[in-house]
Amino acid sequence: MSFPDYKIFKDGTAVAEDACQRILVAAEKAMAKHGAFKIVLAGGTTPEATYRELAKQESDWSKWHIYIGDERCLPVDDAERNSVMAARSLTDHVAIPPEQIYLIDAEKGAETAAIAYAKIVEAALPFDMVLLGMGEDGHTASLFPGHQHDLNETTHAVHNAPKPPSDRISLSASALANTAELLMLITGAGKQQPLAQWRAGEALPIATINANNTLILMDEAAWPESD
């Protein structure tokens, strides 16, 4: 696969601001087309900054449907859960109906939660937009290097994650790619090496998300080269 289209910004704040506007445009497009906007949220610092920007904006929030790309098997109110981050930065501050926020019941265990969330995801596909970040090892969502998953699954129960907690749930590469738009937010100097590896064709987990309409938004620290 060829390396996706990308845009480089001065810093993470600029990435978050641009991502916010792109999400709002995607929302308007989806709502005009089929009356709803189905978006998958990512965890991480830059996505959180993006959600805080979104919370300041106006949209027809009643038509938004929120999904989570991956979740950690922690208590439901644990601050390290992606759902808790999404709530404190976005969903607690806008008028999205609670029944349209589809959380992963990760506190019930990886297998149980993955099976239950697969049904929710399958009913939602295709998504209108998926947001992803990337770790310094090239992982995305909770898809880690060296882990093998059934490619036919919609969600995966993840064990032995290289960073705590070891048990997680993740949407599969195929589910994450089943979207009208895929937006990747990648910031920080620690991302230079995996970006270089990805561009060189290495089989990093993030490189397996083969969506048709993919755009990377990155800052200069992640990719200091000029094209």
Protein backbone atom coordinates (compact mmCIF):
# COMPACT_ATOMS: atom_id res chain seq x y z
CA MET A 1 0.00 0.00 0.00
CA SER A 2 1.19 3.53 -0.75
CA PHE A 3 1.65 5.98 2.09
CA PRO A 4 -1.54 8.04 2.62
CA ASP A 5 -1.98 11.71 1.84
CA TYR A 6 -0.78 13.92 4.68
CA LYS A 7 -0.63 17.52 5.84
CA ILE A 8 1.99 18.98 8.18
CA PHE A 9 1.17 21.65 10.77
CA LYS A 10 3.29 23.70 13.14
CA ASP A 11 2.21 21.91 16.31
CA GLY A 12 -0.37 19.68 17.94
CA THR A 13 -2.71 22.59 18.60
CA ALA A 14 -2.86 23.38 14.90
CA VAL A 15 -3.47 19.71 14.13
CA ALA A 16 -6.36 19.62 16.60
CA GLU A 17 -7.91 22.79 15.19
CA ASP A 18 -7.75 21.51 11.62
CA ALA A 19 -9.07 18.09 12.63
CA CYS A 20 -12.00 19.77 14.40
CA GLN A 21 -13.03 21.61 11.26
CA ARG A 22 -12.70 18.49 9.11
CA ILE A 23 -14.90 16.55 11.52
CA LEU A 24 -17.56 19.26 11.42
CA VAL A 25 -17.54 19.24 7.61
CA ALA A 26 -17.82 15.45 7.57
CA ALA A 27 -20.71 15.67 10.03
CA GLU A 28 -22.62 18.14 7.88
CA LYS A 29 -22.05 16.00 4.81
CA ALA A 30 -23.23 12.81 6.51
CA MET A 31 -26.28 14.43 8.11
CA ALA A 32 -27.32 15.89 4.76
CA LYS A 33 -26.86 12.53 3.08
CA HIS A 34 -28.54 10.17 5.53
CA GLY A 35 -29.63 12.12 8.58
CA ALA A 36 -26.92 10.94 10.98
CA PHE A 37 -23.18 11.19 11.63
CA LYS A 38 -21.46 8.03 12.80
CA ILE A 39 -17.94 8.68 14.09
CA VAL A 40 -15.39 6.45 15.79
CA LEU A 41 -13.29 8.24 18.41
CA ALA A 42 -9.64 7.55 19.17
CA GLY A 43 -7.79 7.81 22.46
CA GLY A 44 -4.67 9.92 22.95
CA THR A 45 -3.53 13.46 23.64
CA THR A 46 -4.10 14.99 20.21
CA PRO A 47 -7.59 13.48 19.81
CA GLU A 48 -8.47 14.83 23.26
CA ALA A 49 -7.38 18.31 22.19
CA THR A 50 -9.51 17.88 19.07
CA TYR A 51 -12.55 16.90 21.14
CA ARG A 52 -12.11 19.97 23.35
CA GLU A 53 -12.15 22.12 20.22
CA LEU A 54 -15.26 20.31 18.97
CA ALA A 55 -17.07 20.93 22.24
CA LYS A 56 -16.81 24.69 21.58
CA GLN A 57 -18.49 24.41 18.17
CA GLU A 58 -22.08 24.25 16.99
CA SER A 59 -23.52 21.21 15.24
CA ASP A 60 -26.78 19.28 15.17
CA TRP A 61 -25.56 17.11 18.01
CA SER A 62 -28.85 15.20 18.10
CA LYS A 63 -27.75 13.43 14.92
CA TRP A 64 -24.31 12.38 16.12
CA HIS A 65 -23.60 8.74 16.93
CA ILE A 66 -20.39 8.10 18.87
CA TYR A 67 -18.39 4.86 18.79
CA ILE A 68 -15.08 4.00 20.46
CA GLY A 69 -12.18 2.53 18.47
CA ASP A 70 -10.69 0.67 21.41
CA GLU A 71 -11.03 0.44 25.16
CA ARG A 72 -9.01 -0.67 28.16
CA CYS A 73 -10.33 -3.31 30.56
CA LEU A 74 -10.57 -1.01 33.57
CA PRO A 75 -13.40 0.04 35.88
CA VAL A 76 -16.11 2.00 34.09
CA ASP A 77 -15.12 5.32 35.71
CA ASP A 78 -11.34 4.90 35.45
CA ALA A 79 -9.68 8.05 34.11
CA GLU A 80 -7.49 5.94 31.79
CA ARG A 81 -10.47 4.66 29.81
CA ASN A 82 -10.97 6.20 26.38
CA SER A 83 -14.68 6.59 27.08
CA VAL A 84 -13.96 8.66 30.20
CA MET A 85 -11.60 10.89 28.22
CA ALA A 86 -14.21 11.33 25.50
CA ALA A 87 -16.81 12.25 28.10
CA ARG A 88 -14.69 14.83 29.91
CA SER A 89 -13.53 16.48 26.68
CA LEU A 90 -16.61 16.21 24.44
CA THR A 91 -19.72 14.22 25.16
CA ASP A 92 -20.41 15.72 28.62
CA HIS A 93 -20.46 19.17 27.00
CA VAL A 94 -22.68 18.73 23.94
CA ALA A 95 -26.25 17.54 23.44
CA ILE A 96 -25.62 14.10 21.95
CA PRO A 97 -28.42 11.78 23.17
CA PRO A 98 -26.93 9.29 25.65
CA GLU A 99 -28.43 6.36 23.73
CA GLN A 100 -26.36 7.45 20.71
CA ILE A 101 -23.07 7.10 22.59
CA TYR A 102 -22.06 3.47 22.18
CA LEU A 103 -19.50 2.53 24.82
CA ILE A 104 -17.53 -0.70 25.11
CA ASP A 105 -18.35 -2.63 28.31
CA ALA A 106 -14.66 -3.33 28.87
CA GLU A 107 -15.16 -3.75 32.62
CA LYS A 108 -16.90 -7.06 31.82
CA GLY A 109 -13.73 -8.55 30.35
CA ALA A 110 -12.16 -8.57 26.91
CA GLU A 111 -14.00 -11.52 25.36
CA THR A 112 -17.46 -10.63 26.64
CA ALA A 113 -17.09 -6.98 25.68
CA ALA A 114 -15.66 -7.72 22.23
CA ILE A 115 -18.54 -10.03 21.34
CA ALA A 116 -21.15 -7.52 22.52
CA TYR A 117 -19.53 -4.55 20.78
CA ALA A 118 -19.14 -6.45 17.52
CA LYS A 119 -22.93 -6.54 17.20
CA ILE A 120 -23.15 -2.78 17.76
CA VAL A 121 -20.44 -2.08 15.19
CA GLU A 122 -21.89 -4.42 12.59
CA ALA A 123 -25.23 -2.62 12.86
CA ALA A 124 -23.50 0.72 12.34
CA LEU A 125 -21.21 -0.01 9.40
CA PRO A 126 -20.14 1.75 7.33
CA PHE A 127 -18.98 4.64 9.51
CA ASP A 128 -18.90 8.21 8.26
CA MET A 129 -15.57 9.01 9.89
CA VAL A 130 -12.96 7.11 11.88
CA LEU A 131 -10.30 8.87 13.93
CA LEU A 132 -7.02 7.12 14.72
CA GLY A 133 -3.77 7.96 16.44
CA MET A 134 -0.47 6.11 16.33
CA GLY A 135 1.84 4.96 19.09
CA GLU A 136 5.62 5.11 18.99
CA ASP A 137 5.66 1.39 18.11
CA GLY A 138 3.31 1.92 15.16
CA HIS A 139 0.24 0.57 16.95
CA THR A 140 -3.19 2.08 16.40
CA ALA A 141 -6.36 1.58 18.44
CA SER A 142 -5.29 -1.55 20.40
CA LEU A 143 -3.74 -3.30 17.42
CA PHE A 144 -0.13 -3.93 18.44
CA PRO A 145 2.97 -5.16 16.60
CA GLY A 146 3.39 -8.92 16.80
CA HIS A 147 -0.23 -9.62 17.69
CA GLN A 148 -2.22 -11.90 15.42
CA HIS A 149 -6.00 -11.58 15.06
CA ASP A 150 -8.71 -13.30 13.06
CA LEU A 151 -9.08 -11.03 10.03
CA ASN A 152 -12.78 -11.89 9.78
CA GLU A 153 -13.58 -10.45 13.20
CA THR A 154 -15.25 -7.08 13.68
CA THR A 155 -13.73 -6.61 17.13
CA HIS A 156 -10.83 -8.27 18.90
CA ALA A 157 -10.28 -9.28 22.49
CA VAL A 158 -6.70 -8.15 23.09
CA HIS A 159 -4.42 -9.74 25.68
CA ASN A 160 -0.78 -9.17 26.58
CA ALA A 161 -0.74 -5.60 25.32
CA PRO A 162 2.81 -4.21 25.63
CA LYS A 163 1.55 -1.26 27.65
CA PRO A 164 -0.85 -1.46 30.60
CA PRO A 165 -3.53 -2.56 30.98
CA SER A 166 -2.71 -5.79 29.19
CA ASP A 167 -6.37 -6.63 28.41
CA ARG A 168 -8.25 -4.48 25.92
CA ILE A 169 -10.88 -4.50 23.17
CA SER A 170 -10.22 -3.10 19.72
CA LEU A 171 -12.13 -2.67 16.51
CA SER A 172 -10.50 -4.74 13.79
CA ALA A 173 -8.51 -3.29 10.90
CA SER A 174 -11.36 -4.10 8.53
CA ALA A 175 -13.97 -2.39 10.72
CA LEU A 176 -11.80 0.71 11.15
CA ALA A 177 -11.30 0.88 7.39
CA ASN A 178 -15.02 0.58 6.66
CA THR A 179 -15.61 4.32 6.67
CA ALA A 180 -16.26 7.18 4.28
CA GLU A 181 -13.29 9.10 5.73
CA LEU A 182 -10.32 8.03 7.85
CA LEU A 183 -8.47 10.78 9.71
CA MET A 184 -5.18 9.98 11.46
CA LEU A 185 -3.80 12.43 14.03
CA ILE A 186 -0.07 11.97 14.63
CA THR A 187 2.02 14.39 16.69
CA GLY A 188 5.30 14.47 18.59
CA ALA A 189 8.93 13.65 17.89
CA GLY A 190 8.44 10.10 19.09
CA LYS A 191 6.44 9.39 15.95
CA GLN A 192 9.28 10.10 13.51
CA GLN A 193 10.64 6.55 13.51
CA PRO A 194 7.34 4.68 12.98
CA LEU A 195 6.33 7.17 10.28
CA ALA A 196 9.64 6.53 8.50
CA GLN A 197 9.15 2.77 8.86
CA TRP A 198 5.63 3.01 7.54
CA ARG A 199 6.70 5.09 4.59
CA ALA A 200 9.43 2.53 3.86
CA GLY A 201 6.78 -0.18 3.64
CA GLU A 202 7.16 -1.93 6.99
CA ALA A 203 4.11 -3.86 8.15
CA LEU A 204 3.13 -1.76 11.16
CA PRO A 205 -0.39 -2.19 12.56
CA ILE A 206 -1.42 1.30 11.44
CA ALA A 207 -0.44 0.42 7.87
CA THR A 208 -3.09 -2.33 7.84
CA ILE A 209 -5.99 0.16 8.02
CA ASN A 210 -6.64 0.37 4.31
CA ALA A 211 -9.45 2.88 3.93
CA ASN A 212 -10.02 4.55 0.56
CA ASN A 213 -10.19 8.14 1.80
CA THR A 214 -7.33 8.46 4.31
CA LEU A 215 -5.61 11.64 5.47
CA ILE A 216 -2.86 12.04 8.07
CA LEU A 217 -2.63 15.31 10.00
CA MET A 218 0.77 15.61 11.67
CA ASP A 219 2.94 18.26 13.28
CA GLU A 220 6.45 19.29 12.37
CA ALA A 221 7.89 17.38 15.31
CA ALA A 222 6.52 14.11 13.96
CA TRP A 223 7.66 14.79 10.40
CA PRO A 224 10.22 17.61 10.19
CA GLU A 225 10.96 17.09 6.51
CA SER A 226 9.53 19.45 3.91
CA ASP A 227 8.12 18.08 0.66
